[in-house]
Amino acid sequence: MQLCKVCSEQTPKYKCPACEIRYCSLPCYKRHKDLCLPVEKLPPNAAKDAVCTVADTWSIEDLLHKEDIADVVPLENLQLLGQSKELKDLLCNPHLRELLRAIDSANNKEEAMKAAMQEPLFVEFSDQCLKVVEKEDP
């Protein structure tokens, strides 16, 4: 059974025309519309040929600035993020990628993160990231 992507409680009855997530009610739509990021439509035959890939173009140094970090995660644990099949699978979702882009480009990243944490998909992504980096070595 599918659940509403906004509240994760009810069966969805509607689909957002812009990003195609499924939601159950007007209140859920109103919560969602502030974070909605339209998904680009692929031509019908392009979907067959599309393969989700995660670019390996960033280094850890590109992503982190020491003055911005309150908690430091060991480099070895951060490198595990790139090896996680679960994270790569989640990143195949265009809605999640758009949420991440919106946070990255936001002027107020703290507010953008608070808003994103209302999206079950983003919560699932952040939980998976934490699970990977907090893994204890045997």
N, C-alpha and C. Protein backbone atom coordinates (compact mmCIF):
# COMPACT_ATOMS: atom_id res chain seq x y z
N MET A 1 0.83 -1.17 0.00
CA MET A 1 0.00 0.00 0.00
C MET A 1 0.89 1.25 0.00
N GLN A 2 0.57 2.19 -0.84
CA GLN A 2 1.32 3.42 -0.95
C GLN A 2 0.82 4.44 0.07
N LEU A 3 1.74 5.24 0.63
CA LEU A 3 1.36 6.28 1.59
C LEU A 3 1.66 7.65 1.01
N CYS A 4 0.96 8.63 1.51
CA CYS A 4 1.16 10.03 1.13
C CYS A 4 2.63 10.39 1.36
N LYS A 5 3.26 11.03 0.38
CA LYS A 5 4.67 11.41 0.48
C LYS A 5 4.89 12.62 1.38
N VAL A 6 3.81 13.28 1.80
CA VAL A 6 3.94 14.45 2.65
C VAL A 6 3.75 14.07 4.12
N CYS A 7 2.63 13.43 4.43
CA CYS A 7 2.35 13.09 5.83
C CYS A 7 2.71 11.66 6.19
N SER A 8 2.86 10.80 5.20
CA SER A 8 3.19 9.38 5.40
C SER A 8 2.16 8.66 6.27
N GLU A 9 0.90 9.13 6.22
CA GLU A 9 -0.14 8.51 7.06
C GLU A 9 -1.30 7.96 6.25
N GLN A 10 -1.75 8.69 5.24
CA GLN A 10 -2.94 8.31 4.50
C GLN A 10 -2.58 7.75 3.12
N THR A 11 -3.54 7.10 2.50
CA THR A 11 -3.38 6.64 1.12
C THR A 11 -3.50 7.85 0.19
N PRO A 12 -2.52 8.04 -0.69
CA PRO A 12 -2.60 9.22 -1.57
C PRO A 12 -3.70 9.09 -2.61
N LYS A 13 -4.39 10.18 -2.84
CA LYS A 13 -5.47 10.22 -3.84
C LYS A 13 -5.08 11.10 -5.02
N TYR A 14 -4.07 11.95 -4.83
CA TYR A 14 -3.73 12.95 -5.83
C TYR A 14 -2.25 12.86 -6.19
N LYS A 15 -1.92 13.45 -7.35
CA LYS A 15 -0.54 13.49 -7.79
C LYS A 15 -0.20 14.92 -8.20
N CYS A 16 0.89 15.44 -7.68
CA CYS A 16 1.32 16.80 -8.02
C CYS A 16 1.65 16.84 -9.51
N PRO A 17 1.06 17.76 -10.25
CA PRO A 17 1.32 17.83 -11.69
C PRO A 17 2.75 18.28 -12.02
N ALA A 18 3.39 18.96 -11.10
CA ALA A 18 4.73 19.47 -11.37
C ALA A 18 5.83 18.45 -11.08
N CYS A 19 5.74 17.78 -9.93
CA CYS A 19 6.83 16.86 -9.55
C CYS A 19 6.37 15.41 -9.44
N GLU A 20 5.08 15.19 -9.53
CA GLU A 20 4.49 13.86 -9.57
C GLU A 20 4.53 13.08 -8.26
N ILE A 21 4.82 13.76 -7.12
CA ILE A 21 4.71 13.02 -5.87
C ILE A 21 3.23 12.85 -5.55
N ARG A 22 2.91 11.81 -4.79
CA ARG A 22 1.52 11.53 -4.47
C ARG A 22 1.23 12.04 -3.06
N TYR A 23 0.04 12.69 -2.90
CA TYR A 23 -0.36 13.24 -1.62
C TYR A 23 -1.84 12.93 -1.39
N CYS A 24 -2.29 13.11 -0.14
CA CYS A 24 -3.63 12.64 0.22
C CYS A 24 -4.69 13.73 0.36
N SER A 25 -4.28 14.99 0.57
CA SER A 25 -5.29 15.99 0.92
C SER A 25 -4.81 17.40 0.59
N LEU A 26 -5.72 18.35 0.71
CA LEU A 26 -5.38 19.75 0.48
C LEU A 26 -4.34 20.26 1.48
N PRO A 27 -4.46 19.93 2.77
CA PRO A 27 -3.41 20.38 3.70
C PRO A 27 -2.02 19.84 3.33
N CYS A 28 -1.98 18.61 2.87
CA CYS A 28 -0.69 18.04 2.45
C CYS A 28 -0.18 18.74 1.20
N TYR A 29 -1.09 19.04 0.28
CA TYR A 29 -0.67 19.77 -0.92
C TYR A 29 -0.11 21.14 -0.54
N LYS A 30 -0.77 21.83 0.39
CA LYS A 30 -0.30 23.15 0.79
C LYS A 30 1.07 23.07 1.44
N ARG A 31 1.33 22.04 2.24
CA ARG A 31 2.65 21.85 2.83
C ARG A 31 3.68 21.57 1.75
N HIS A 32 3.29 20.76 0.78
CA HIS A 32 4.22 20.33 -0.27
C HIS A 32 4.55 21.45 -1.26
N LYS A 33 3.61 22.28 -1.59
CA LYS A 33 3.79 23.23 -2.71
C LYS A 33 4.94 24.20 -2.47
N ASP A 34 5.27 24.50 -1.21
CA ASP A 34 6.38 25.40 -0.93
C ASP A 34 7.73 24.77 -1.27
N LEU A 35 7.78 23.45 -1.25
CA LEU A 35 9.04 22.76 -1.55
C LEU A 35 9.03 22.10 -2.92
N CYS A 36 7.92 22.19 -3.61
CA CYS A 36 7.78 21.48 -4.88
C CYS A 36 8.79 21.98 -5.90
N LEU A 37 9.48 21.03 -6.48
CA LEU A 37 10.43 21.33 -7.54
C LEU A 37 10.05 20.49 -8.75
N PRO A 38 9.60 21.14 -9.82
CA PRO A 38 9.14 20.39 -10.99
C PRO A 38 10.21 19.47 -11.55
N VAL A 39 9.76 18.31 -12.00
CA VAL A 39 10.64 17.33 -12.60
C VAL A 39 10.59 17.52 -14.11
N GLU A 40 11.76 17.53 -14.73
CA GLU A 40 11.78 17.62 -16.17
C GLU A 40 11.26 16.32 -16.77
N LYS A 41 10.38 16.43 -17.72
CA LYS A 41 9.81 15.27 -18.39
C LYS A 41 10.78 14.80 -19.47
N LEU A 42 11.04 13.50 -19.48
CA LEU A 42 11.88 12.91 -20.52
C LEU A 42 11.00 12.47 -21.68
N PRO A 43 11.52 12.49 -22.89
CA PRO A 43 10.76 11.91 -24.00
C PRO A 43 10.48 10.44 -23.70
N PRO A 44 9.36 9.88 -24.22
CA PRO A 44 8.97 8.52 -23.87
C PRO A 44 10.06 7.46 -24.06
N ASN A 45 10.82 7.54 -25.14
CA ASN A 45 11.84 6.51 -25.37
C ASN A 45 13.13 6.79 -24.60
N ALA A 46 13.32 7.97 -24.05
CA ALA A 46 14.53 8.29 -23.31
C ALA A 46 14.57 7.55 -21.98
N ALA A 47 13.42 7.30 -21.38
CA ALA A 47 13.39 6.63 -20.09
C ALA A 47 13.98 5.23 -20.18
N LYS A 48 13.83 4.56 -21.31
CA LYS A 48 14.37 3.21 -21.48
C LYS A 48 15.89 3.23 -21.46
N ASP A 49 16.48 4.30 -22.02
CA ASP A 49 17.92 4.37 -22.14
C ASP A 49 18.58 5.04 -20.94
N ALA A 50 17.78 5.67 -20.08
CA ALA A 50 18.35 6.43 -18.96
C ALA A 50 18.89 5.50 -17.90
N VAL A 51 20.07 5.82 -17.41
CA VAL A 51 20.69 5.10 -16.31
C VAL A 51 21.09 6.13 -15.28
N CYS A 52 20.71 5.90 -14.05
CA CYS A 52 21.05 6.86 -13.00
C CYS A 52 22.51 6.67 -12.62
N THR A 53 23.27 7.74 -12.67
CA THR A 53 24.66 7.71 -12.25
C THR A 53 24.91 8.87 -11.31
N VAL A 54 25.81 8.69 -10.38
CA VAL A 54 26.20 9.75 -9.47
C VAL A 54 27.60 10.16 -9.86
N ALA A 55 27.77 11.43 -10.22
CA ALA A 55 29.07 11.91 -10.68
C ALA A 55 30.08 11.86 -9.55
N ASP A 56 31.29 11.47 -9.89
CA ASP A 56 32.38 11.43 -8.92
C ASP A 56 33.29 12.64 -9.13
N THR A 57 32.73 13.82 -9.33
CA THR A 57 33.52 14.99 -9.67
C THR A 57 33.88 15.83 -8.45
N TRP A 58 33.32 15.55 -7.27
CA TRP A 58 33.60 16.36 -6.09
C TRP A 58 34.59 15.65 -5.19
N SER A 59 35.41 16.42 -4.54
CA SER A 59 36.27 15.87 -3.51
C SER A 59 35.68 16.28 -2.17
N ILE A 60 36.13 15.66 -1.13
CA ILE A 60 35.66 16.00 0.22
C ILE A 60 35.98 17.46 0.51
N GLU A 61 37.16 17.92 0.09
CA GLU A 61 37.56 19.31 0.33
C GLU A 61 36.60 20.30 -0.34
N ASP A 62 36.04 19.92 -1.49
CA ASP A 62 35.09 20.80 -2.18
C ASP A 62 33.79 20.95 -1.40
N LEU A 63 33.43 19.94 -0.65
CA LEU A 63 32.14 19.94 0.03
C LEU A 63 32.18 20.52 1.44
N LEU A 64 33.33 20.46 2.08
CA LEU A 64 33.41 20.85 3.48
C LEU A 64 34.30 22.07 3.68
N HIS A 65 33.87 22.95 4.57
CA HIS A 65 34.67 24.11 4.97
C HIS A 65 34.82 24.02 6.48
N LYS A 66 36.05 23.96 6.97
CA LYS A 66 36.29 23.73 8.40
C LYS A 66 35.57 24.72 9.30
N GLU A 67 35.47 25.99 8.89
CA GLU A 67 34.82 26.98 9.74
C GLU A 67 33.31 26.76 9.85
N ASP A 68 32.73 25.97 8.95
CA ASP A 68 31.29 25.72 8.96
C ASP A 68 30.91 24.44 9.71
N ILE A 69 31.88 23.70 10.15
CA ILE A 69 31.61 22.37 10.71
C ILE A 69 31.58 22.41 12.23
N ALA A 70 30.48 21.94 12.79
CA ALA A 70 30.38 21.82 14.24
C ALA A 70 30.81 20.42 14.68
N ASP A 71 30.36 19.41 13.97
CA ASP A 71 30.72 18.02 14.24
C ASP A 71 31.58 17.53 13.09
N VAL A 72 32.69 16.89 13.42
CA VAL A 72 33.58 16.40 12.38
C VAL A 72 33.42 14.90 12.25
N VAL A 73 33.22 14.45 11.03
CA VAL A 73 33.11 13.02 10.74
C VAL A 73 34.43 12.60 10.10
N PRO A 74 35.01 11.49 10.55
CA PRO A 74 36.28 11.05 9.96
C PRO A 74 36.16 10.88 8.44
N LEU A 75 37.22 11.24 7.73
CA LEU A 75 37.24 11.17 6.28
C LEU A 75 36.89 9.77 5.78
N GLU A 76 37.36 8.75 6.45
CA GLU A 76 37.06 7.37 6.03
C GLU A 76 35.56 7.10 6.04
N ASN A 77 34.87 7.65 7.03
CA ASN A 77 33.42 7.46 7.12
C ASN A 77 32.71 8.25 6.02
N LEU A 78 33.19 9.46 5.73
CA LEU A 78 32.59 10.25 4.65
C LEU A 78 32.75 9.55 3.31
N GLN A 79 33.88 8.91 3.10
CA GLN A 79 34.12 8.22 1.84
C GLN A 79 33.17 7.04 1.66
N LEU A 80 32.66 6.50 2.76
CA LEU A 80 31.69 5.40 2.69
C LEU A 80 30.38 5.84 2.04
N LEU A 81 30.08 7.15 2.11
CA LEU A 81 28.85 7.65 1.49
C LEU A 81 28.83 7.35 0.00
N GLY A 82 29.96 7.51 -0.65
CA GLY A 82 30.05 7.26 -2.09
C GLY A 82 29.98 5.79 -2.46
N GLN A 83 30.13 4.92 -1.48
CA GLN A 83 30.09 3.49 -1.73
C GLN A 83 28.75 2.86 -1.36
N SER A 84 27.86 3.64 -0.81
CA SER A 84 26.58 3.11 -0.32
C SER A 84 25.58 2.92 -1.46
N LYS A 85 25.20 1.67 -1.70
CA LYS A 85 24.21 1.37 -2.73
C LYS A 85 22.87 2.00 -2.36
N GLU A 86 22.51 1.98 -1.08
CA GLU A 86 21.24 2.55 -0.65
C GLU A 86 21.18 4.05 -0.96
N LEU A 87 22.28 4.76 -0.70
CA LEU A 87 22.30 6.19 -1.01
C LEU A 87 22.23 6.44 -2.50
N LYS A 88 22.97 5.66 -3.27
CA LYS A 88 22.94 5.82 -4.73
C LYS A 88 21.53 5.58 -5.26
N ASP A 89 20.84 4.58 -4.70
CA ASP A 89 19.46 4.31 -5.12
C ASP A 89 18.54 5.48 -4.79
N LEU A 90 18.70 6.05 -3.60
CA LEU A 90 17.89 7.21 -3.22
C LEU A 90 18.17 8.40 -4.14
N LEU A 91 19.43 8.58 -4.51
CA LEU A 91 19.80 9.72 -5.36
C LEU A 91 19.32 9.57 -6.79
N CYS A 92 18.79 8.42 -7.14
CA CYS A 92 18.18 8.26 -8.47
C CYS A 92 16.83 8.98 -8.54
N ASN A 93 16.29 9.36 -7.39
CA ASN A 93 15.00 10.05 -7.35
C ASN A 93 15.19 11.52 -7.72
N PRO A 94 14.59 11.97 -8.83
CA PRO A 94 14.78 13.36 -9.25
C PRO A 94 14.25 14.38 -8.24
N HIS A 95 13.21 14.03 -7.50
CA HIS A 95 12.67 14.95 -6.50
C HIS A 95 13.70 15.19 -5.40
N LEU A 96 14.38 14.14 -4.96
CA LEU A 96 15.41 14.28 -3.93
C LEU A 96 16.57 15.13 -4.46
N ARG A 97 16.98 14.88 -5.67
CA ARG A 97 18.09 15.67 -6.24
C ARG A 97 17.71 17.15 -6.31
N GLU A 98 16.47 17.45 -6.67
CA GLU A 98 16.03 18.85 -6.72
C GLU A 98 15.98 19.46 -5.32
N LEU A 99 15.55 18.69 -4.32
CA LEU A 99 15.56 19.19 -2.94
C LEU A 99 16.98 19.54 -2.51
N LEU A 100 17.93 18.66 -2.84
CA LEU A 100 19.33 18.90 -2.48
C LEU A 100 19.89 20.13 -3.19
N ARG A 101 19.53 20.30 -4.46
CA ARG A 101 19.97 21.49 -5.19
C ARG A 101 19.38 22.76 -4.57
N ALA A 102 18.11 22.68 -4.17
CA ALA A 102 17.45 23.84 -3.57
C ALA A 102 18.12 24.22 -2.26
N ILE A 103 18.47 23.25 -1.46
CA ILE A 103 19.16 23.53 -0.19
C ILE A 103 20.52 24.15 -0.48
N ASP A 104 21.24 23.57 -1.43
CA ASP A 104 22.58 24.04 -1.75
C ASP A 104 22.57 25.48 -2.26
N SER A 105 21.55 25.84 -3.00
CA SER A 105 21.51 27.18 -3.59
C SER A 105 20.74 28.19 -2.74
N ALA A 106 20.17 27.75 -1.62
CA ALA A 106 19.37 28.65 -0.77
C ALA A 106 20.25 29.69 -0.10
N ASN A 107 19.72 30.88 0.04
CA ASN A 107 20.42 31.94 0.78
C ASN A 107 20.45 31.61 2.27
N ASN A 108 19.33 31.08 2.78
CA ASN A 108 19.24 30.71 4.19
C ASN A 108 19.19 29.18 4.26
N LYS A 109 20.35 28.56 4.36
CA LYS A 109 20.43 27.10 4.34
C LYS A 109 19.75 26.46 5.55
N GLU A 110 19.80 27.13 6.68
CA GLU A 110 19.15 26.58 7.87
C GLU A 110 17.64 26.46 7.66
N GLU A 111 17.02 27.51 7.12
CA GLU A 111 15.59 27.46 6.84
C GLU A 111 15.27 26.44 5.75
N ALA A 112 16.12 26.35 4.75
CA ALA A 112 15.92 25.37 3.68
C ALA A 112 15.99 23.94 4.23
N MET A 113 16.91 23.71 5.16
CA MET A 113 17.02 22.38 5.79
C MET A 113 15.78 22.08 6.63
N LYS A 114 15.30 23.06 7.38
CA LYS A 114 14.09 22.85 8.18
C LYS A 114 12.91 22.49 7.29
N ALA A 115 12.79 23.19 6.17
CA ALA A 115 11.69 22.89 5.24
C ALA A 115 11.87 21.51 4.62
N ALA A 116 13.08 21.17 4.25
CA ALA A 116 13.34 19.86 3.62
C ALA A 116 13.06 18.72 4.60
N MET A 117 13.29 18.95 5.87
CA MET A 117 13.06 17.89 6.87
C MET A 117 11.58 17.57 7.04
N GLN A 118 10.70 18.35 6.40
CA GLN A 118 9.28 18.02 6.39
C GLN A 118 8.93 17.04 5.29
N GLU A 119 9.88 16.80 4.39
CA GLU A 119 9.68 15.87 3.27
C GLU A 119 10.16 14.48 3.67
N PRO A 120 9.29 13.50 3.70
CA PRO A 120 9.70 12.14 4.09
C PRO A 120 10.87 11.60 3.28
N LEU A 121 10.94 11.93 2.01
CA LEU A 121 12.03 11.45 1.16
C LEU A 121 13.36 12.02 1.64
N PHE A 122 13.40 13.29 2.02
CA PHE A 122 14.63 13.91 2.50
C PHE A 122 15.02 13.32 3.86
N VAL A 123 14.03 13.06 4.70
CA VAL A 123 14.30 12.44 6.01
C VAL A 123 14.91 11.06 5.80
N GLU A 124 14.37 10.30 4.87
CA GLU A 124 14.91 8.98 4.56
C GLU A 124 16.37 9.10 4.09
N PHE A 125 16.64 10.08 3.22
CA PHE A 125 18.00 10.31 2.73
C PHE A 125 18.95 10.67 3.87
N SER A 126 18.55 11.62 4.72
CA SER A 126 19.43 12.05 5.81
C SER A 126 19.66 10.92 6.82
N ASP A 127 18.61 10.13 7.09
CA ASP A 127 18.78 8.98 7.99
C ASP A 127 19.77 7.98 7.41
N GLN A 128 19.70 7.75 6.11
CA GLN A 128 20.61 6.80 5.46
C GLN A 128 22.05 7.34 5.51
N CYS A 129 22.23 8.64 5.30
CA CYS A 129 23.57 9.24 5.40
C CYS A 129 24.13 9.04 6.80
N LEU A 130 23.32 9.32 7.82
CA LEU A 130 23.78 9.14 9.19
C LEU A 130 24.11 7.68 9.50
N LYS A 131 23.28 6.79 8.99
CA LYS A 131 23.53 5.36 9.21
C LYS A 131 24.90 4.96 8.64
N VAL A 132 25.25 5.50 7.49
CA VAL A 132 26.52 5.16 6.84
C VAL A 132 27.70 5.77 7.61
N VAL A 133 27.64 7.06 7.94
CA VAL A 133 28.79 7.70 8.57
C VAL A 133 28.96 7.36 10.06
N GLU A 134 27.89 6.93 10.70
CA GLU A 134 27.98 6.58 12.11
C GLU A 134 28.28 5.11 12.35
N LYS A 135 28.45 4.37 11.26
CA LYS A 135 28.72 2.93 11.37
C LYS A 135 30.00 2.71 12.17
N GLU A 136 29.90 1.86 13.18
CA GLU A 136 31.06 1.53 13.99
C GLU A 136 31.91 0.50 13.28
N ASP A 137 33.23 0.67 13.33
CA ASP A 137 34.12 -0.35 12.74
C ASP A 137 34.12 -1.56 13.66
N PRO A 138 34.04 -2.79 13.08
CA PRO A 138 33.99 -4.00 13.92
C PRO A 138 35.29 -4.24 14.63
